[in-house]
Structure formats: structure tokens, C-alpha cells
Amino acid sequence: MSALFPKFRRRLAQLWRREDGVAAMEFVLMVPVLLAVFMSAFECGLLMTRSILLEHAVDVTMRELRLGHYPKVTNAVLKDEICRRTIIFGDCSSNITVQLDRISTTNWSIPTPPPTCVNSDDEAEPVVALNVGTDNDLMLVRVCVSLPAIFPGMGLALNLPQDELHNYALVARSAFVVEPS
């Protein structure tokens, strides 16, 4: 038994001095970092694309509303129009809220609560008042869409405020004046 122990020690020392596989060790250490950077870049690009699409859809829809192209304005009409213009949002109509608030031009009080967003875990839709305003009213529109993160447990998505289903809120704001009829 004592003759076996020096052989084992010698073999272990030989394995310890071997240099083959050193590059594999560097690879194993660096791949997770590179994957995290790649996934963060992809998530960031998608987030920016979604944000730009939402901003554009809100601007175009509010222009149409301002010009009176919607004979009967309801929350469902505004949601459908915004969702129709945001082509890469999955299940947009059930994950979007639209708020229209009148801004007083005498004291310029801007609504302070943040826009209400859909919690994708709840079945109930948040109650949001739709106030289209009258002639020459200054209106603030806030739109919130709850969207899923592509890589919820990696990189950038870890720093985004998310709900229970790993969806983050994307918010767009716009303002317009109701044109006189």
C-alpha cells in the first residue's frame, strides 16, 4: 500500500505541471462574460427599437386624433391604432394602457403620478380615465406597454424594473392641443 502512495503523488505532480488545456481554461472564464455583453447589446438594441416604434406610433396616432380623424374616440380605438403601428410588439392590445390628461394652462400643473401600466400577472385591466378635452385644451398623453425581456436573467435585463413575468414597462409621452372644430 505504501508503494502505491508515491506513485499516486508522482502522477498527481505530473498532472499539475501539464500545460495542455490552458487555452480551454481562458475560454471557460471568458465565454460567460462575452455572452453577457452580447446579450446585453441585443437587449439594448431591441429596447431602443421598441421605444422608437412606440414613440412614433403615439405621435402619429395623436396627430390623427388632433386632426379629428377618429369620429368616436375611445380607449379601445386609441389602443388599436397605436398597436397597429407598432409592428414588433407581441400581444400589444392586452399589454397597453393609454392615459389622456388635461394640463391646466393657468398653473401648468403636470400630472405627477407615473403612467399606469398593465401588470401582466393580473387578469384585470387598470382603470384609466380617457379625457379627450375640448377646444384649445393642452393634453398630455402617456402610453405604457408591458413587454417581455428577451434574456431576463442576463446583462441589461437584470437592471430593468420587471414584474413577476419578467416584463418591463416601456413608456411614451406626448402632448398636443385640441384643435377648435
Protein backbone atom coordinates (compact mmCIF):
# COMPACT_ATOMS: atom_id res chain seq x y z
CA MET A 1 0.00 0.00 0.00
CA SER A 2 2.91 2.34 0.76
CA ALA A 3 4.33 1.78 -2.76
CA LEU A 4 1.06 2.98 -4.25
CA PHE A 5 1.13 6.33 -2.47
CA PRO A 6 4.43 7.64 -4.03
CA LYS A 7 3.17 6.61 -7.48
CA PHE A 8 -0.06 8.50 -6.88
CA ARG A 9 1.84 11.57 -5.68
CA ARG A 10 4.17 11.47 -8.67
CA ARG A 11 1.23 11.10 -11.09
CA LEU A 12 -0.62 13.98 -9.42
CA ALA A 13 2.50 16.19 -9.69
CA GLN A 14 2.80 15.34 -13.41
CA LEU A 15 -0.84 16.27 -13.99
CA TRP A 16 -0.35 19.52 -12.10
CA ARG A 17 2.62 20.55 -14.32
CA ARG A 18 0.91 19.77 -17.63
CA GLU A 19 0.21 22.79 -19.83
CA ASP A 20 -2.17 21.37 -22.40
CA GLY A 21 -5.68 22.74 -21.91
CA VAL A 22 -4.53 26.17 -20.71
CA ALA A 23 -6.39 27.93 -23.53
CA ALA A 24 -9.52 25.99 -22.62
CA MET A 25 -9.34 27.48 -19.15
CA GLU A 26 -9.21 31.03 -20.55
CA PHE A 27 -12.08 30.16 -22.85
CA VAL A 28 -14.19 28.86 -19.96
CA LEU A 29 -13.52 32.02 -17.97
CA MET A 30 -14.20 34.50 -20.80
CA VAL A 31 -17.20 32.98 -22.62
CA PRO A 32 -19.76 33.89 -19.93
CA VAL A 33 -18.52 37.48 -19.93
CA LEU A 34 -18.67 37.71 -23.71
CA LEU A 35 -22.13 36.13 -23.78
CA ALA A 36 -23.38 38.61 -21.18
CA VAL A 37 -22.03 41.53 -23.25
CA PHE A 38 -23.60 40.13 -26.44
CA MET A 39 -26.96 39.51 -24.76
CA SER A 40 -26.94 42.98 -23.20
CA ALA A 41 -26.19 44.55 -26.58
CA PHE A 42 -29.02 42.61 -28.19
CA GLU A 43 -31.45 43.50 -25.39
CA CYS A 44 -30.41 47.16 -25.57
CA GLY A 45 -30.92 47.26 -29.33
CA LEU A 46 -34.34 45.68 -29.05
CA LEU A 47 -35.31 48.02 -26.21
CA MET A 48 -34.30 51.06 -28.26
CA THR A 49 -36.13 49.78 -31.35
CA ARG A 50 -39.27 49.15 -29.34
CA SER A 51 -39.01 52.59 -27.73
CA ILE A 52 -38.64 54.35 -31.08
CA LEU A 53 -41.55 52.40 -32.57
CA LEU A 54 -43.76 53.24 -29.60
CA GLU A 55 -42.83 56.95 -29.70
CA HIS A 56 -43.55 57.09 -33.43
CA ALA A 57 -46.87 55.23 -33.08
CA VAL A 58 -48.01 57.55 -30.29
CA ASP A 59 -47.00 60.66 -32.26
CA VAL A 60 -48.81 59.56 -35.42
CA THR A 61 -51.92 58.44 -33.54
CA MET A 62 -52.08 61.69 -31.58
CA ARG A 63 -51.71 63.64 -34.82
CA GLU A 64 -54.66 61.73 -36.26
CA LEU A 65 -56.65 62.38 -33.06
CA ARG A 66 -55.77 66.07 -33.11
CA LEU A 67 -56.91 66.41 -36.71
CA GLY A 68 -60.22 64.73 -35.91
CA HIS A 69 -59.76 61.55 -37.98
CA TYR A 70 -61.42 59.41 -35.31
CA PRO A 71 -65.15 60.14 -35.18
CA LYS A 72 -65.69 58.38 -31.85
CA VAL A 73 -62.63 58.36 -29.62
CA THR A 74 -62.49 55.53 -27.12
CA ASN A 75 -59.67 53.90 -25.22
CA ALA A 76 -60.01 50.80 -27.42
CA VAL A 77 -59.69 52.87 -30.62
CA LEU A 78 -56.50 54.56 -29.41
CA LYS A 79 -55.04 51.23 -28.24
CA ASP A 80 -55.80 49.58 -31.59
CA GLU A 81 -54.31 52.45 -33.58
CA ILE A 82 -51.11 52.55 -31.53
CA CYS A 83 -50.76 48.75 -31.64
CA ARG A 84 -51.37 48.69 -35.39
CA ARG A 85 -48.37 50.99 -35.85
CA THR A 86 -46.01 49.10 -33.52
CA ILE A 87 -45.31 46.09 -35.68
CA ILE A 88 -42.99 44.05 -33.44
CA PHE A 89 -44.93 44.16 -30.16
CA GLY A 90 -46.43 40.80 -29.29
CA ASP A 91 -49.95 40.89 -27.82
CA CYS A 92 -49.87 44.68 -27.70
CA SER A 93 -53.59 45.33 -27.25
CA SER A 94 -53.77 43.46 -23.93
CA ASN A 95 -50.49 44.92 -22.59
CA ILE A 96 -51.06 48.62 -23.27
CA THR A 97 -52.63 51.48 -21.35
CA VAL A 98 -53.37 54.93 -22.75
CA GLN A 99 -53.90 57.94 -20.47
CA LEU A 100 -55.04 61.35 -21.66
CA ASP A 101 -54.86 64.15 -19.09
CA ARG A 102 -55.76 67.82 -19.49
CA ILE A 103 -53.00 70.19 -18.41
CA SER A 104 -54.16 73.44 -16.89
CA THR A 105 -52.64 76.41 -18.69
CA THR A 106 -53.26 78.71 -15.74
CA ASN A 107 -50.99 76.96 -13.23
CA TRP A 108 -49.23 74.45 -15.51
CA SER A 109 -49.71 71.51 -13.19
CA ILE A 110 -48.48 68.35 -14.85
CA PRO A 111 -49.92 65.08 -13.52
CA THR A 112 -47.42 63.71 -11.04
CA PRO A 113 -48.32 60.03 -10.72
CA PRO A 114 -46.42 57.84 -13.14
CA PRO A 115 -48.38 56.34 -16.01
CA THR A 116 -50.41 53.28 -15.13
CA CYS A 117 -49.06 50.09 -16.66
CA VAL A 118 -50.65 46.71 -17.17
CA ASN A 119 -49.41 44.10 -14.75
CA SER A 120 -49.18 41.06 -16.99
CA ASP A 121 -49.78 38.80 -14.00
CA ASP A 122 -53.25 40.24 -13.33
CA GLU A 123 -56.36 39.43 -15.33
CA ALA A 124 -57.97 42.79 -14.59
CA GLU A 125 -57.11 45.81 -16.67
CA PRO A 126 -56.24 49.02 -14.77
CA VAL A 127 -58.94 51.68 -14.76
CA VAL A 128 -57.74 54.67 -16.75
CA ALA A 129 -59.90 57.70 -17.47
CA LEU A 130 -59.92 58.92 -21.06
CA ASN A 131 -60.43 62.68 -21.22
CA VAL A 132 -60.19 63.89 -24.81
CA GLY A 133 -60.62 67.54 -23.85
CA THR A 134 -62.37 70.45 -25.51
CA ASP A 135 -61.24 73.15 -27.94
CA ASN A 136 -57.79 74.62 -27.23
CA ASP A 137 -57.09 72.30 -24.29
CA LEU A 138 -53.49 71.22 -23.78
CA MET A 139 -53.47 67.42 -23.47
CA LEU A 140 -50.76 65.11 -22.14
CA VAL A 141 -50.87 61.54 -23.39
CA ARG A 142 -48.95 58.78 -21.64
CA VAL A 143 -48.77 55.29 -23.06
CA CYS A 144 -47.33 52.32 -21.21
CA VAL A 145 -46.69 48.91 -22.78
CA SER A 146 -45.59 45.88 -20.79
CA LEU A 147 -43.11 43.88 -22.89
CA PRO A 148 -41.08 40.74 -22.19
CA ALA A 149 -37.32 40.83 -21.91
CA ILE A 150 -35.55 38.51 -24.34
CA PHE A 151 -32.86 37.48 -21.83
CA PRO A 152 -34.47 38.26 -18.46
CA GLY A 153 -31.67 36.84 -16.33
CA MET A 154 -28.65 38.30 -18.14
CA GLY A 155 -26.92 41.66 -18.54
CA LEU A 156 -29.10 44.69 -19.19
CA ALA A 157 -32.39 42.95 -18.40
CA LEU A 158 -31.24 42.39 -14.82
CA ASN A 159 -31.19 46.17 -14.32
CA LEU A 160 -34.62 46.82 -15.85
CA PRO A 161 -37.54 47.05 -13.42
CA GLN A 162 -39.56 43.92 -14.18
CA ASP A 163 -42.80 42.37 -12.99
CA GLU A 164 -43.27 38.75 -11.97
CA LEU A 165 -43.33 37.52 -15.58
CA HIS A 166 -40.06 39.34 -16.46
CA ASN A 167 -41.87 42.06 -18.44
CA TYR A 168 -40.62 45.63 -18.31
CA ALA A 169 -42.63 48.80 -18.82
CA LEU A 170 -41.96 50.91 -21.89
CA VAL A 171 -43.43 54.43 -21.61
CA ALA A 172 -44.02 57.08 -24.27
CA ARG A 173 -45.27 60.61 -23.66
CA SER A 174 -46.61 63.24 -25.99
CA ALA A 175 -48.58 66.48 -25.78
CA PHE A 176 -50.94 68.23 -28.14
CA VAL A 177 -53.52 70.99 -28.26
CA VAL A 178 -57.11 70.08 -29.19
CA GLU A 179 -57.87 71.93 -32.40
CA PRO A 180 -61.05 74.03 -32.47
CA SER A 181 -63.82 72.48 -34.55
